[in-house]
N, C-alpha and C. Protein backbone atom coordinates (compact mmCIF):
# COMPACT_ATOMS: atom_id res chain seq x y z
N UNK A 1 5.04 24.68 -7.61
CA UNK A 1 4.06 23.73 -8.09
C UNK A 1 2.67 24.22 -7.71
N UNK A 2 1.77 24.18 -8.66
CA UNK A 2 0.38 24.58 -8.43
C UNK A 2 -0.49 23.34 -8.54
N UNK A 3 -1.33 23.12 -7.55
CA UNK A 3 -2.22 21.96 -7.61
C UNK A 3 -3.38 22.24 -8.55
N UNK A 4 -3.93 21.20 -9.09
CA UNK A 4 -5.06 21.31 -10.01
C UNK A 4 -6.33 21.51 -9.19
N UNK A 5 -7.01 22.65 -9.34
CA UNK A 5 -8.22 22.89 -8.56
C UNK A 5 -9.36 21.93 -8.90
N UNK A 6 -9.23 21.21 -10.01
CA UNK A 6 -10.27 20.26 -10.41
C UNK A 6 -9.90 18.82 -10.07
N UNK A 7 -8.79 18.61 -9.37
CA UNK A 7 -8.31 17.26 -9.09
C UNK A 7 -9.34 16.41 -8.36
N UNK A 8 -9.98 16.96 -7.35
CA UNK A 8 -10.98 16.19 -6.59
C UNK A 8 -12.16 15.84 -7.49
N UNK A 9 -12.61 16.78 -8.29
CA UNK A 9 -13.72 16.51 -9.22
C UNK A 9 -13.35 15.42 -10.22
N UNK A 10 -12.13 15.47 -10.73
CA UNK A 10 -11.67 14.46 -11.70
C UNK A 10 -11.61 13.08 -11.04
N UNK A 11 -11.12 13.03 -9.81
CA UNK A 11 -11.05 11.76 -9.08
C UNK A 11 -12.45 11.20 -8.83
N UNK A 12 -13.34 12.05 -8.36
CA UNK A 12 -14.73 11.66 -8.10
C UNK A 12 -15.35 11.08 -9.37
N UNK A 13 -15.16 11.75 -10.49
CA UNK A 13 -15.71 11.29 -11.77
C UNK A 13 -15.08 9.97 -12.19
N UNK A 14 -13.77 9.85 -12.07
CA UNK A 14 -13.09 8.62 -12.48
C UNK A 14 -13.58 7.41 -11.68
N UNK A 15 -13.67 7.56 -10.36
CA UNK A 15 -14.13 6.45 -9.52
C UNK A 15 -15.60 6.14 -9.82
N UNK A 16 -16.40 7.16 -10.04
CA UNK A 16 -17.81 6.95 -10.38
C UNK A 16 -17.96 6.20 -11.69
N UNK A 17 -16.96 6.33 -12.58
CA UNK A 17 -16.99 5.65 -13.87
C UNK A 17 -16.25 4.33 -13.87
N UNK A 18 -15.89 3.81 -12.69
CA UNK A 18 -15.31 2.48 -12.59
C UNK A 18 -13.82 2.40 -12.31
N UNK A 19 -13.12 3.53 -12.21
CA UNK A 19 -11.69 3.49 -11.88
C UNK A 19 -11.52 2.98 -10.45
N UNK A 20 -10.42 2.31 -10.20
CA UNK A 20 -10.13 1.81 -8.85
C UNK A 20 -9.86 2.98 -7.92
N UNK A 21 -10.48 2.99 -6.74
CA UNK A 21 -10.22 4.08 -5.79
C UNK A 21 -8.84 3.94 -5.15
N UNK A 22 -8.31 5.05 -4.68
CA UNK A 22 -7.06 5.03 -3.94
C UNK A 22 -7.28 4.31 -2.61
N UNK A 23 -6.20 3.82 -2.00
CA UNK A 23 -6.29 3.01 -0.79
C UNK A 23 -6.29 3.89 0.47
N UNK A 24 -7.41 4.56 0.70
CA UNK A 24 -7.60 5.32 1.94
C UNK A 24 -9.08 5.45 2.22
N UNK A 25 -9.41 5.67 3.48
CA UNK A 25 -10.79 5.93 3.89
C UNK A 25 -10.79 7.12 4.83
N UNK A 26 -11.65 8.08 4.53
CA UNK A 26 -11.85 9.24 5.39
C UNK A 26 -13.16 9.03 6.13
N UNK A 27 -13.11 9.09 7.45
CA UNK A 27 -14.31 8.89 8.27
C UNK A 27 -14.94 10.24 8.60
N UNK A 28 -16.23 10.34 8.37
CA UNK A 28 -16.98 11.59 8.59
C UNK A 28 -18.21 11.30 9.43
N UNK A 29 -18.82 12.34 10.02
CA UNK A 29 -20.04 12.13 10.80
C UNK A 29 -21.18 11.60 9.92
N UNK A 30 -22.09 10.87 10.56
CA UNK A 30 -23.28 10.37 9.87
C UNK A 30 -23.96 11.51 9.12
N UNK A 31 -24.37 11.24 7.88
CA UNK A 31 -25.06 12.23 7.06
C UNK A 31 -24.13 13.09 6.22
N UNK A 32 -22.81 12.87 6.34
CA UNK A 32 -21.85 13.70 5.60
C UNK A 32 -21.10 12.94 4.51
N UNK A 33 -21.54 11.74 4.18
CA UNK A 33 -20.80 10.90 3.25
C UNK A 33 -21.26 10.97 1.81
N UNK A 34 -22.15 11.90 1.50
CA UNK A 34 -22.60 12.01 0.12
C UNK A 34 -22.75 13.47 -0.27
N UNK A 35 -22.76 13.69 -1.57
CA UNK A 35 -22.92 15.03 -2.13
C UNK A 35 -24.04 14.94 -3.16
N UNK A 36 -25.11 15.66 -2.91
CA UNK A 36 -26.30 15.61 -3.79
C UNK A 36 -26.75 14.17 -4.00
N UNK A 37 -26.81 13.41 -2.91
CA UNK A 37 -27.26 12.01 -2.88
C UNK A 37 -26.34 11.04 -3.63
N UNK A 38 -25.10 11.43 -3.90
CA UNK A 38 -24.11 10.55 -4.52
C UNK A 38 -23.02 10.30 -3.48
N UNK A 39 -22.74 9.01 -3.21
CA UNK A 39 -21.72 8.66 -2.22
C UNK A 39 -20.36 9.19 -2.66
N UNK A 40 -19.65 9.82 -1.74
CA UNK A 40 -18.32 10.36 -2.02
C UNK A 40 -17.31 9.21 -1.92
N UNK A 41 -16.46 9.03 -2.95
CA UNK A 41 -15.47 7.95 -2.91
C UNK A 41 -14.55 8.08 -1.69
N UNK A 42 -14.22 6.95 -1.11
CA UNK A 42 -13.28 6.85 0.00
C UNK A 42 -13.79 7.48 1.29
N UNK A 43 -15.06 7.80 1.37
CA UNK A 43 -15.64 8.41 2.56
C UNK A 43 -16.58 7.41 3.22
N UNK A 44 -16.40 7.23 4.52
CA UNK A 44 -17.23 6.31 5.29
C UNK A 44 -17.87 7.09 6.43
N UNK A 45 -19.18 7.01 6.53
CA UNK A 45 -19.87 7.66 7.65
C UNK A 45 -19.71 6.81 8.91
N UNK A 46 -19.57 7.47 10.05
CA UNK A 46 -19.44 6.76 11.32
C UNK A 46 -20.04 7.59 12.45
N UNK A 47 -20.48 6.89 13.49
CA UNK A 47 -20.91 7.58 14.70
C UNK A 47 -19.87 7.39 15.82
N UNK A 48 -18.72 6.81 15.46
CA UNK A 48 -17.63 6.58 16.42
C UNK A 48 -16.81 7.87 16.54
N UNK A 49 -16.90 8.57 17.68
CA UNK A 49 -16.18 9.84 17.82
C UNK A 49 -14.66 9.70 17.67
N UNK A 50 -14.11 8.52 17.93
CA UNK A 50 -12.67 8.32 17.80
C UNK A 50 -12.23 8.28 16.34
N UNK A 51 -13.15 7.97 15.42
CA UNK A 51 -12.80 7.86 14.00
C UNK A 51 -13.15 9.11 13.20
N UNK A 52 -14.10 9.92 13.68
CA UNK A 52 -14.57 11.07 12.89
C UNK A 52 -13.40 11.98 12.54
N UNK A 53 -13.31 12.32 11.26
CA UNK A 53 -12.27 13.17 10.68
C UNK A 53 -10.87 12.57 10.80
N UNK A 54 -10.79 11.23 10.79
CA UNK A 54 -9.50 10.56 10.66
C UNK A 54 -9.46 9.94 9.27
N UNK A 55 -8.25 9.72 8.78
CA UNK A 55 -8.05 9.05 7.50
C UNK A 55 -7.21 7.81 7.75
N UNK A 56 -7.62 6.70 7.13
CA UNK A 56 -6.91 5.43 7.28
C UNK A 56 -6.33 5.07 5.91
N UNK A 57 -5.01 4.88 5.88
CA UNK A 57 -4.29 4.59 4.64
C UNK A 57 -3.71 3.19 4.69
N UNK A 58 -3.36 2.67 3.50
CA UNK A 58 -2.69 1.38 3.39
C UNK A 58 -3.46 0.30 4.13
N UNK A 59 -4.73 0.16 3.76
CA UNK A 59 -5.62 -0.84 4.36
C UNK A 59 -5.72 -0.71 5.87
N UNK A 60 -5.69 0.53 6.37
CA UNK A 60 -5.85 0.78 7.79
C UNK A 60 -4.58 0.71 8.61
N UNK A 61 -3.43 0.47 7.95
CA UNK A 61 -2.18 0.35 8.69
C UNK A 61 -1.63 1.69 9.16
N UNK A 62 -2.01 2.78 8.49
CA UNK A 62 -1.56 4.11 8.89
C UNK A 62 -2.78 4.99 9.11
N UNK A 63 -2.84 5.64 10.26
CA UNK A 63 -4.00 6.45 10.62
C UNK A 63 -3.54 7.87 10.91
N UNK A 64 -4.23 8.81 10.29
CA UNK A 64 -3.97 10.24 10.53
C UNK A 64 -5.15 10.83 11.21
């Protein structure tokens, strides 16, 4: 199986055009939540070191 190299771009575009986002949040350091001044879907900036680079799925019930 080969993954689609444009999958992230397609998702970003779909959510930007009103599609419902998937149920996860990726926490990143402050200042890293946007690309060319556009907010990245499912990305939340935080200054909490315990959350940085963690992903929360299923409304926060599962944390990676």
